Amino acid sequence: MKAYSIEFRKKIIKAYEQGDTSVRKVAQRFDVSKAFVQKILKQKQTTGHVQLKKQGGSLKSVLHSSTAQLTQMVEKYPDSTLLEYCEYWLDSYQQSVS
């Protein structure tokens, strides 16, 4: 989904700040969610602007840096199930994975 433009965000902020209205009414007026209006109001309050934030990005797995340990575990227990691997990982490294 494409992000809302800065101009559109400013219109929402202006409508809320100008009138004696609620977040819900502003959301209905601009056909956006109440949560979105709350989010940009909070962003305006904390940062002083409503600039778009970077979207997405790659999240690395908690196991990303553990390739060697994972390989050793699979070589040591080649017939284990995924559940058994997860339990072994929790017991060995105190890190819950699924």
C-alpha atoms as a PDB file:
ATOM      1  CA  MET A   1       0.000   0.000   0.000  1.00  0.00           C
ATOM      2  CA  LYS A   2       1.292   3.419  -0.918  1.00  0.00           C
ATOM      3  CA  ALA A   3       1.906   5.862   1.932  1.00  0.00           C
ATOM      4  CA  TYR A   4      -0.324   8.899   2.316  1.00  0.00           C
ATOM      5  CA  SER A   5       1.239  12.126   1.038  1.00  0.00           C
ATOM      6  CA  ILE A   6       2.622  14.765   3.370  1.00  0.00           C
ATOM      7  CA  GLU A   7      -0.004  17.236   2.131  1.00  0.00           C
ATOM      8  CA  PHE A   8      -2.799  14.814   3.012  1.00  0.00           C
ATOM      9  CA  ARG A   9      -1.301  14.247   6.454  1.00  0.00           C
ATOM     10  CA  LYS A  10      -1.087  18.007   7.008  1.00  0.00           C
ATOM     11  CA  LYS A  11      -4.766  18.403   6.043  1.00  0.00           C
ATOM     12  CA  ILE A  12      -5.730  15.818   8.655  1.00  0.00           C
ATOM     13  CA  ILE A  13      -3.638  17.544  11.337  1.00  0.00           C
ATOM     14  CA  LYS A  14      -5.067  20.931  10.393  1.00  0.00           C
ATOM     15  CA  ALA A  15      -8.661  19.653  10.499  1.00  0.00           C
ATOM     16  CA  TYR A  16      -8.103  18.189  13.955  1.00  0.00           C
ATOM     17  CA  GLU A  17      -6.342  21.270  15.337  1.00  0.00           C
ATOM     18  CA  GLN A  18      -8.830  23.782  13.848  1.00  0.00           C
ATOM     19  CA  GLY A  19     -12.090  22.334  14.969  1.00  0.00           C
ATOM     20  CA  ASP A  20     -13.748  21.210  18.114  1.00  0.00           C
ATOM     21  CA  THR A  21     -13.788  17.636  16.854  1.00  0.00           C
ATOM     22  CA  SER A  22     -12.688  14.139  17.758  1.00  0.00           C
ATOM     23  CA  VAL A  23     -10.130  11.816  16.243  1.00  0.00           C
ATOM     24  CA  ARG A  24     -12.943   9.514  15.171  1.00  0.00           C
ATOM     25  CA  LYS A  25     -14.765  12.273  13.289  1.00  0.00           C
ATOM     26  CA  VAL A  26     -11.573  13.369  11.515  1.00  0.00           C
ATOM     27  CA  ALA A  27     -10.897   9.766  10.537  1.00  0.00           C
ATOM     28  CA  GLN A  28     -14.402   9.419   9.101  1.00  0.00           C
ATOM     29  CA  ARG A  29     -14.116  12.726   7.258  1.00  0.00           C
ATOM     30  CA  PHE A  30     -10.883  11.715   5.503  1.00  0.00           C
ATOM     31  CA  ASP A  31     -11.802   8.022   5.181  1.00  0.00           C
ATOM     32  CA  VAL A  32      -8.806   6.764   7.134  1.00  0.00           C
ATOM     33  CA  SER A  33      -8.550   4.697  10.281  1.00  0.00           C
ATOM     34  CA  LYS A  34      -8.745   6.208  13.725  1.00  0.00           C
ATOM     35  CA  ALA A  35      -5.372   4.598  14.477  1.00  0.00           C
ATOM     36  CA  PHE A  36      -3.762   6.420  11.546  1.00  0.00           C
ATOM     37  CA  VAL A  37      -5.029   9.783  12.760  1.00  0.00           C
ATOM     38  CA  GLN A  38      -3.766   9.023  16.268  1.00  0.00           C
ATOM     39  CA  LYS A  39      -0.407   7.947  14.845  1.00  0.00           C
ATOM     40  CA  ILE A  40       0.192  11.124  12.866  1.00  0.00           C
ATOM     41  CA  LEU A  41      -1.046  13.317  15.725  1.00  0.00           C
ATOM     42  CA  LYS A  42       1.450  11.620  18.019  1.00  0.00           C
ATOM     43  CA  GLN A  43       4.206  11.935  15.403  1.00  0.00           C
ATOM     44  CA  LYS A  44       3.450  15.659  15.031  1.00  0.00           C
ATOM     45  CA  GLN A  45       3.515  16.096  18.807  1.00  0.00           C
ATOM     46  CA  THR A  46       6.774  14.215  19.384  1.00  0.00           C
ATOM     47  CA  THR A  47       8.786  15.158  16.281  1.00  0.00           C
ATOM     48  CA  GLY A  48       7.139  18.387  15.168  1.00  0.00           C
ATOM     49  CA  HIS A  49       6.478  17.108  11.633  1.00  0.00           C
ATOM     50  CA  VAL A  50       4.513  14.488   9.736  1.00  0.00           C
ATOM     51  CA  GLN A  51       7.214  13.413   7.284  1.00  0.00           C
ATOM     52  CA  LEU A  52       6.964   9.910   5.923  1.00  0.00           C
ATOM     53  CA  LYS A  53       9.063   7.331   7.688  1.00  0.00           C
ATOM     54  CA  LYS A  54      11.070   4.700   5.901  1.00  0.00           C
ATOM     55  CA  GLN A  55       8.844   1.737   5.167  1.00  0.00           C
ATOM     56  CA  GLY A  56       9.713  -1.901   5.368  1.00  0.00           C
ATOM     57  CA  GLY A  57      13.253  -3.063   5.475  1.00  0.00           C
ATOM     58  CA  SER A  58      14.684  -6.451   6.066  1.00  0.00           C
ATOM     59  CA  LEU A  59      14.353  -7.971   9.475  1.00  0.00           C
ATOM     60  CA  LYS A  60      16.982 -10.502  10.254  1.00  0.00           C
ATOM     61  CA  SER A  61      16.125 -13.702  12.033  1.00  0.00           C
ATOM     62  CA  VAL A  62      17.316 -14.146  15.607  1.00  0.00           C
ATOM     63  CA  LEU A  63      19.229 -17.131  14.209  1.00  0.00           C
ATOM     64  CA  HIS A  64      20.914 -15.129  11.441  1.00  0.00           C
ATOM     65  CA  SER A  65      24.285 -15.086  13.201  1.00  0.00           C
ATOM     66  CA  SER A  66      24.023 -18.689  14.406  1.00  0.00           C
ATOM     67  CA  THR A  67      24.574 -20.569  11.159  1.00  0.00           C
ATOM     68  CA  ALA A  68      27.495 -22.608  12.499  1.00  0.00           C
ATOM     69  CA  GLN A  69      25.568 -23.710  15.598  1.00  0.00           C
ATOM     70  CA  LEU A  70      22.516 -24.618  13.497  1.00  0.00           C
ATOM     71  CA  THR A  71      24.644 -26.682  11.131  1.00  0.00           C
ATOM     72  CA  GLN A  72      26.262 -28.546  14.027  1.00  0.00           C
ATOM     73  CA  MET A  73      22.869 -29.252  15.591  1.00  0.00           C
ATOM     74  CA  VAL A  74      21.432 -30.684  12.361  1.00  0.00           C
ATOM     75  CA  GLU A  75      24.562 -32.783  11.748  1.00  0.00           C
ATOM     76  CA  LYS A  76      24.438 -34.116  15.313  1.00  0.00           C
ATOM     77  CA  TYR A  77      20.683 -34.894  15.189  1.00  0.00           C
ATOM     78  CA  PRO A  78      19.793 -35.444  11.509  1.00  0.00           C
ATOM     79  CA  ASP A  79      16.511 -37.295  12.188  1.00  0.00           C
ATOM     80  CA  SER A  80      15.023 -34.776  14.610  1.00  0.00           C
ATOM     81  CA  THR A  81      11.771 -32.946  14.017  1.00  0.00           C
ATOM     82  CA  LEU A  82      11.436 -29.169  13.910  1.00  0.00           C
ATOM     83  CA  LEU A  83       9.847 -29.235  17.367  1.00  0.00           C
ATOM     84  CA  GLU A  84      12.800 -31.202  18.723  1.00  0.00           C
ATOM     85  CA  TYR A  85      15.234 -28.741  17.154  1.00  0.00           C
ATOM     86  CA  CYS A  86      13.381 -25.851  18.776  1.00  0.00           C
ATOM     87  CA  GLU A  87      13.446 -27.564  22.184  1.00  0.00           C
ATOM     88  CA  TYR A  88      17.151 -28.364  21.792  1.00  0.00           C
ATOM     89  CA  TRP A  89      17.879 -24.738  20.858  1.00  0.00           C
ATOM     90  CA  LEU A  90      16.000 -23.468  23.906  1.00  0.00           C
ATOM     91  CA  ASP A  91      17.842 -25.888  26.216  1.00  0.00           C
ATOM     92  CA  SER A  92      21.251 -25.159  24.727  1.00  0.00           C
ATOM     93  CA  TYR A  93      21.081 -21.426  24.043  1.00  0.00           C
ATOM     94  CA  GLN A  94      18.177 -20.182  26.222  1.00  0.00           C
ATOM     95  CA  GLN A  95      16.574 -18.701  23.121  1.00  0.00           C
ATOM     96  CA  SER A  96      13.027 -19.617  22.148  1.00  0.00           C
ATOM     97  CA  VAL A  97      12.510 -20.170  18.406  1.00  0.00           C
ATOM     98  CA  SER A  98       9.760 -21.698  16.330  1.00  0.00           C
END
